[in-house]
Amino acid sequence: MDPSQESTQPNQGLDLSAVRSKNMPAEQGGQTGQAAGANGAVGGQAGGDPNAVAVPGLVFDVDESTFTSLVAISDRVPVVIDLWAEWCEPCKQLSPILERVVTSYGGRLVLAKVDVDANPRLQQAFGVQSIPTVVALIKGQPVPLFQSALPEPQVQAYFDELLKLAGENGVTGHAAVGGAEPEPAGPAHPEAEEALAKGDFDTAVNLFKAALANSPADEEAKFGLARAGLGRRLIDQEPADLIAAADADPKNVDAAKAAADAEVVSGNAGSAFNRLISLIRTTAGDEKESLRLRVLDLFEVLGADDPAVTKARTALMRALF
């Protein structure tokens, strides 16, 4: 859903109620359902386990029309991508090894298979020069792994390192084949949500951070912390002024980040992401990393199923890869 138009009120803080709520039923929260993979709906919470992600299988095919489902999954479970073709003999040697090793992790990884002949735009997006090529996604970000067929012990070593990287980035969920969406529940952190609703962003930030210290995989706390951080950054600021300042100095990274915050709460997330990702293509080092982190933070504010986020993740991947 697009956030509705907001304005700053210094005495009350920002009203962030228009930003999507994970507890809102699908018919009220914007896009219905979860991103669909080739074999069914994927990316949602499975059963009553907040760390479980519903997938059609631990190994499944994707194409250009269903690729965005991987991005939602990769927020919580690392996704390995096997780029292959029917005519490729090394691919035929590697694919069963990948499937066997991924399955052995019991849902800590999933494997998505992409036929590059049938999906040339995905081949181009990943910059594939030869096949087989194996990459991964963690929180929507590409992680190059290896090319050519490798023996099983080496494949497992790569995946062990991938899981370490995922853990460092808070991606510690597990995939569950099938599973129905749970009924909407009340807020998991009522005191923090109350502080957020009152515009007491400092208290909300501290409470959500405390929750994450106890449970790093707590999706509700991550979502709440992102909203509270956004509110704190924009308090006492006029969104129109921030946007005008960034437009007047388009290479100013700090101005661009502030303008992107303002555009998100003003209901123009697409412009926010275009602004930041355009700068990512022309910056380097700490500036580039700060822009990437702001994009990811705003992804968390809006949610993985927001159409603007889905589009921007692909653009971000191309800008970084």
Protein backbone atom coordinates (compact mmCIF):
# COMPACT_ATOMS: atom_id res chain seq x y z
CA MET A 1 0.00 0.00 0.00
CA ASP A 2 1.13 3.57 -0.53
CA PRO A 3 1.37 5.68 2.62
CA SER A 4 -1.10 8.53 2.60
CA GLN A 5 -0.03 12.19 2.52
CA GLU A 6 1.61 13.20 5.81
CA SER A 7 2.75 16.49 7.30
CA THR A 8 4.99 17.14 10.26
CA GLN A 9 3.50 18.38 13.52
CA PRO A 10 6.35 19.29 15.91
CA ASN A 11 4.23 18.97 19.04
CA GLN A 12 2.86 15.55 18.18
CA GLY A 13 5.49 14.00 15.94
CA LEU A 14 4.68 12.20 12.72
CA ASP A 15 1.58 10.09 12.31
CA LEU A 16 2.96 6.92 10.76
CA SER A 17 -0.31 5.02 10.94
CA ALA A 18 -0.60 5.10 7.16
CA VAL A 19 2.53 3.00 6.75
CA ARG A 20 1.58 -0.62 6.30
CA SER A 21 0.85 -2.79 9.33
CA LYS A 22 1.93 -6.40 9.36
CA ASN A 23 -1.11 -7.20 11.50
CA MET A 24 -3.55 -5.76 8.95
CA PRO A 25 -5.60 -8.30 6.96
CA ALA A 26 -4.56 -8.51 3.32
CA GLU A 27 -7.75 -6.95 1.99
CA GLN A 28 -7.07 -3.83 4.09
CA GLY A 29 -3.29 -3.69 3.76
CA GLY A 30 -2.86 -3.16 0.03
CA GLN A 31 -1.64 -5.93 -2.22
CA THR A 32 -3.41 -9.16 -1.39
CA GLY A 33 -1.60 -12.35 -0.62
CA GLN A 34 2.13 -13.07 -0.87
CA ALA A 35 4.45 -13.02 -3.85
CA ALA A 36 3.69 -16.10 -5.90
CA GLY A 37 6.33 -18.52 -7.05
CA ALA A 38 6.07 -20.98 -9.89
CA ASN A 39 4.43 -23.58 -7.70
CA GLY A 40 2.23 -21.46 -5.46
CA ALA A 41 2.28 -18.69 -2.91
CA VAL A 42 5.61 -18.22 -1.19
CA GLY A 43 7.25 -15.87 1.26
CA GLY A 44 4.56 -15.76 3.94
CA GLN A 45 4.75 -16.96 7.52
CA ALA A 46 4.10 -20.69 7.79
CA GLY A 47 1.77 -21.91 10.51
CA GLY A 48 2.27 -20.25 13.88
CA ASP A 49 6.08 -20.05 13.72
CA PRO A 50 7.25 -16.45 13.15
CA ASN A 51 10.61 -17.69 11.85
CA ALA A 52 9.13 -20.09 9.28
CA VAL A 53 8.65 -19.00 5.66
CA ALA A 54 6.12 -20.81 3.47
CA VAL A 55 7.67 -22.08 0.22
CA PRO A 56 6.42 -24.47 -2.49
CA GLY A 57 9.47 -26.67 -1.92
CA LEU A 58 13.08 -26.47 -0.83
CA VAL A 59 13.93 -26.64 -4.55
CA PHE A 60 11.74 -24.92 -7.14
CA ASP A 61 11.83 -23.25 -10.55
CA VAL A 62 11.41 -19.51 -11.09
CA ASP A 63 11.13 -17.34 -14.18
CA GLU A 64 11.05 -13.63 -14.97
CA SER A 65 7.43 -13.30 -13.90
CA THR A 66 7.90 -15.00 -10.52
CA PHE A 67 11.43 -13.92 -9.65
CA THR A 68 10.29 -11.21 -7.22
CA SER A 69 8.98 -13.93 -4.91
CA LEU A 70 12.61 -14.77 -4.13
CA VAL A 71 13.22 -11.31 -2.77
CA ALA A 72 10.52 -11.71 -0.13
CA ILE A 73 11.90 -15.11 0.87
CA SER A 74 15.47 -13.80 1.07
CA ASP A 75 14.47 -11.33 3.80
CA ARG A 76 14.24 -14.32 6.14
CA VAL A 77 15.90 -17.32 4.45
CA PRO A 78 18.97 -17.28 2.14
CA VAL A 79 18.05 -18.13 -1.45
CA VAL A 80 20.56 -19.97 -3.66
CA ILE A 81 20.00 -19.41 -7.38
CA ASP A 82 21.14 -21.98 -9.94
CA LEU A 83 21.44 -20.39 -13.40
CA TRP A 84 21.52 -23.23 -15.89
CA ALA A 85 20.49 -24.36 -19.39
CA GLU A 86 19.31 -27.65 -20.86
CA TRP A 87 22.26 -27.96 -23.25
CA CYS A 88 24.87 -27.36 -20.52
CA GLU A 89 26.55 -30.62 -19.47
CA PRO A 90 28.31 -29.15 -16.39
CA CYS A 91 24.89 -27.85 -15.29
CA LYS A 92 23.55 -31.40 -15.37
CA GLN A 93 26.42 -32.48 -13.13
CA LEU A 94 26.02 -29.61 -10.67
CA SER A 95 22.24 -29.35 -10.33
CA PRO A 96 21.70 -32.65 -8.46
CA ILE A 97 24.56 -31.76 -6.12
CA LEU A 98 23.00 -28.38 -5.36
CA GLU A 99 19.61 -29.97 -4.74
CA ARG A 100 21.07 -32.63 -2.46
CA VAL A 101 23.17 -30.19 -0.41
CA VAL A 102 20.41 -27.59 -0.05
CA THR A 103 17.96 -30.26 1.08
CA SER A 104 20.46 -31.48 3.68
CA TYR A 105 20.22 -28.14 5.51
CA GLY A 106 16.59 -28.84 6.38
CA GLY A 107 15.13 -25.52 5.30
CA ARG A 108 17.92 -23.15 6.32
CA LEU A 109 18.42 -22.55 2.58
CA VAL A 110 16.22 -22.83 -0.49
CA LEU A 111 17.26 -23.40 -4.10
CA ALA A 112 15.67 -21.52 -7.01
CA LYS A 113 16.45 -22.79 -10.51
CA VAL A 114 16.57 -20.36 -13.47
CA ASP A 115 16.74 -21.57 -17.07
CA VAL A 116 18.77 -18.77 -18.67
CA ASP A 117 17.63 -19.61 -22.21
CA ALA A 118 14.01 -19.08 -21.19
CA ASN A 119 14.80 -16.06 -19.00
CA PRO A 120 17.41 -13.90 -20.75
CA ARG A 121 16.61 -10.81 -18.69
CA LEU A 122 17.52 -12.64 -15.49
CA GLN A 123 20.75 -13.79 -17.11
CA GLN A 124 21.50 -10.18 -17.99
CA ALA A 125 20.52 -8.88 -14.54
CA PHE A 126 23.03 -11.19 -12.89
CA GLY A 127 25.71 -10.50 -15.48
CA VAL A 128 26.06 -14.20 -16.27
CA GLN A 129 28.88 -14.84 -18.75
CA SER A 130 29.03 -18.62 -18.45
CA ILE A 131 26.98 -21.38 -16.91
CA PRO A 132 26.50 -22.94 -14.52
CA THR A 133 26.58 -19.86 -12.32
CA VAL A 134 25.46 -19.98 -8.70
CA VAL A 135 24.58 -16.83 -6.77
CA ALA A 136 22.55 -16.15 -3.64
CA LEU A 137 20.16 -13.52 -2.33
CA ILE A 138 20.25 -12.23 1.25
CA LYS A 139 17.73 -9.49 2.03
CA GLY A 140 17.35 -8.97 -1.69
CA GLN A 141 21.07 -8.37 -2.17
CA PRO A 142 23.02 -10.59 -4.61
CA VAL A 143 25.93 -12.61 -3.24
CA PRO A 144 28.18 -14.16 -5.95
CA LEU A 145 29.13 -17.74 -5.07
CA PHE A 146 30.79 -19.74 -7.85
CA GLN A 147 30.80 -20.78 -11.49
CA SER A 148 31.30 -24.25 -13.03
CA ALA A 149 30.54 -27.63 -11.53
CA LEU A 150 32.15 -28.22 -8.14
CA PRO A 151 32.36 -31.37 -6.03
CA GLU A 152 29.86 -31.72 -3.22
CA PRO A 153 32.24 -30.90 -0.32
CA GLN A 154 33.18 -27.57 -1.94
CA VAL A 155 29.54 -26.72 -2.57
CA GLN A 156 28.77 -27.41 1.07
CA ALA A 157 31.68 -25.20 2.17
CA TYR A 158 30.29 -22.31 0.12
CA PHE A 159 26.85 -22.78 1.66
CA ASP A 160 28.28 -22.93 5.18
CA GLU A 161 29.89 -19.54 4.60
CA LEU A 162 26.65 -18.23 3.09
CA LEU A 163 24.76 -19.18 6.24
CA LYS A 164 27.34 -17.36 8.38
CA LEU A 165 26.89 -14.24 6.26
CA ALA A 166 23.11 -14.57 6.50
CA GLY A 167 23.29 -14.87 10.28
CA GLU A 168 25.42 -11.73 10.51
CA ASN A 169 22.66 -9.91 8.65
CA GLY A 170 19.82 -11.26 10.79
CA VAL A 171 18.53 -13.71 8.18
CA THR A 172 17.95 -16.71 10.43
CA GLY A 173 14.54 -18.08 9.48
CA HIS A 174 13.78 -21.45 7.97
CA ALA A 175 11.72 -22.58 5.02
CA ALA A 176 8.59 -24.67 5.53
CA VAL A 177 6.96 -26.42 2.60
CA GLY A 178 3.30 -25.35 2.40
CA GLY A 179 1.59 -23.93 5.47
CA ALA A 180 -1.33 -21.56 5.81
CA GLU A 181 -1.13 -17.92 6.81
CA PRO A 182 -1.99 -17.31 10.48
CA GLU A 183 -4.90 -15.19 11.53
CA PRO A 184 -4.01 -11.54 12.14
CA ALA A 185 -2.78 -11.03 15.69
CA GLY A 186 -2.47 -8.06 17.99
CA PRO A 187 0.75 -6.08 18.20
CA ALA A 188 3.72 -8.09 19.46
CA HIS A 189 5.22 -5.05 21.24
CA PRO A 190 2.30 -2.99 22.58
CA GLU A 191 4.37 -0.54 24.67
CA ALA A 192 6.65 0.26 21.74
CA GLU A 193 3.69 0.59 19.37
CA GLU A 194 1.95 2.92 21.82
CA ALA A 195 5.06 5.12 22.03
CA LEU A 196 5.25 5.15 18.23
CA ALA A 197 1.60 6.16 17.92
CA LYS A 198 2.18 9.04 20.35
CA GLY A 199 5.17 10.28 18.39
CA ASP A 200 7.60 9.35 21.18
CA PHE A 201 10.12 7.99 18.71
CA ASP A 202 13.10 7.81 21.09
CA THR A 203 11.18 5.53 23.46
CA ALA A 204 9.89 3.43 20.57
CA VAL A 205 13.39 3.04 19.15
CA ASN A 206 14.78 1.93 22.50
CA LEU A 207 11.99 -0.58 23.08
CA PHE A 208 12.25 -2.11 19.62
CA LYS A 209 16.05 -2.32 19.92
CA ALA A 210 15.67 -4.10 23.25
CA ALA A 211 13.28 -6.58 21.65
CA LEU A 212 15.77 -7.25 18.85
CA ALA A 213 18.59 -7.74 21.33
CA ASN A 214 16.58 -10.60 22.83
CA SER A 215 15.34 -11.96 19.50
CA PRO A 216 17.35 -10.80 16.44
CA ALA A 217 14.91 -12.51 14.05
CA ASP A 218 11.84 -10.68 15.43
CA GLU A 219 10.21 -9.34 12.25
CA GLU A 220 7.71 -7.15 14.12
CA ALA A 221 10.50 -5.45 16.04
CA LYS A 222 12.48 -4.85 12.84
CA PHE A 223 9.42 -3.31 11.25
CA GLY A 224 8.71 -1.15 14.29
CA LEU A 225 12.30 0.02 14.57
CA ALA A 226 12.31 1.08 10.92
CA ARG A 227 9.11 3.12 11.39
CA ALA A 228 10.37 4.70 14.60
CA GLY A 229 13.67 5.60 12.99
CA LEU A 230 11.87 7.20 10.07
CA GLY A 231 9.68 9.22 12.40
CA ARG A 232 12.65 10.38 14.46
CA ARG A 233 14.55 11.49 11.36
CA LEU A 234 11.63 13.55 10.09
CA ILE A 235 10.35 15.15 13.28
CA ASP A 236 10.37 18.96 13.09
CA GLN A 237 11.10 18.71 9.36
CA GLU A 238 8.92 19.88 6.48
CA PRO A 239 8.85 17.17 3.78
CA ALA A 240 8.47 19.65 0.93
CA ASP A 241 11.57 21.55 2.08
CA LEU A 242 13.63 18.36 2.26
CA ILE A 243 12.60 17.33 -1.24
CA ALA A 244 13.31 20.79 -2.65
CA ALA A 245 16.77 20.83 -1.06
CA ALA A 246 17.67 17.47 -2.59
CA ASP A 247 16.36 18.52 -5.99
CA ALA A 248 18.56 21.62 -5.84
CA ASP A 249 21.69 19.56 -4.99
CA PRO A 250 21.14 16.13 -6.57
CA LYS A 251 24.62 14.80 -5.69
CA ASN A 252 24.27 15.51 -1.97
CA VAL A 253 23.91 12.09 -0.32
CA ASP A 254 22.56 13.34 3.02
CA ALA A 255 19.99 15.54 1.28
CA ALA A 256 18.92 12.63 -0.90
CA LYS A 257 18.38 10.36 2.10
CA ALA A 258 16.31 13.01 3.89
CA ALA A 259 14.25 13.65 0.76
CA ALA A 260 13.64 9.93 0.29
CA ASP A 261 12.30 9.70 3.86
CA ALA A 262 9.98 12.61 3.10
CA GLU A 263 8.80 11.05 -0.16
CA VAL A 264 7.96 7.75 1.53
CA VAL A 265 5.73 9.37 4.16
CA SER A 266 4.22 11.56 1.43
CA GLY A 267 3.09 8.49 -0.51
CA ASN A 268 5.72 8.66 -3.27
CA ALA A 269 7.94 5.69 -2.47
CA GLY A 270 8.80 5.11 -6.13
CA SER A 271 10.46 8.53 -6.37
CA ALA A 272 12.28 7.91 -3.09
CA PHE A 273 13.82 4.69 -4.34
CA ASN A 274 14.65 6.15 -7.76
CA ARG A 275 16.47 9.02 -6.06
CA LEU A 276 18.57 6.78 -3.82
CA ILE A 277 19.34 4.07 -6.36
CA SER A 278 20.39 6.64 -8.97
CA LEU A 279 22.95 7.96 -6.50
CA ILE A 280 24.11 4.44 -5.61
CA ARG A 281 25.16 4.01 -9.26
CA THR A 282 27.43 7.07 -9.09
CA THR A 283 28.89 6.86 -5.56
CA ALA A 284 31.38 4.58 -3.84
CA GLY A 285 32.66 3.63 -0.42
CA ASP A 286 30.89 4.85 2.70
CA GLU A 287 28.47 7.06 0.78
CA LYS A 288 27.31 4.17 -1.38
CA GLU A 289 26.90 1.93 1.66
CA SER A 290 24.90 4.57 3.55
CA LEU A 291 22.55 4.90 0.56
CA ARG A 292 22.14 1.12 0.34
CA LEU A 293 21.31 0.89 4.03
CA ARG A 294 18.73 3.67 3.74
CA VAL A 295 17.07 1.85 0.85
CA LEU A 296 16.90 -1.34 2.93
CA ASP A 297 15.53 0.59 5.90
CA LEU A 298 12.73 2.03 3.76
CA PHE A 299 12.04 -1.44 2.37
CA GLU A 300 11.41 -2.53 5.95
CA VAL A 301 9.10 0.43 6.57
CA LEU A 302 6.92 -0.37 3.56
CA GLY A 303 7.13 -4.17 3.62
CA ALA A 304 8.39 -6.76 1.17
CA ASP A 305 5.02 -7.07 -0.61
CA ASP A 306 4.70 -3.37 -1.42
CA PRO A 307 4.80 -2.90 -5.24
CA ALA A 308 7.32 -0.04 -4.97
CA VAL A 309 9.63 -2.26 -2.92
CA THR A 310 9.32 -5.14 -5.36
CA LYS A 311 10.32 -2.90 -8.26
CA ALA A 312 13.10 -1.16 -6.34
CA ARG A 313 14.72 -4.40 -5.18
CA THR A 314 15.36 -5.40 -8.77
CA ALA A 315 16.78 -1.97 -9.56
CA LEU A 316 18.97 -2.08 -6.45
CA MET A 317 20.30 -5.49 -7.38
CA ARG A 318 21.30 -4.22 -10.82
CA ALA A 319 22.91 -1.11 -9.35
CA LEU A 320 25.03 -3.14 -6.92
CA PHE A 321 25.83 -6.32 -8.84
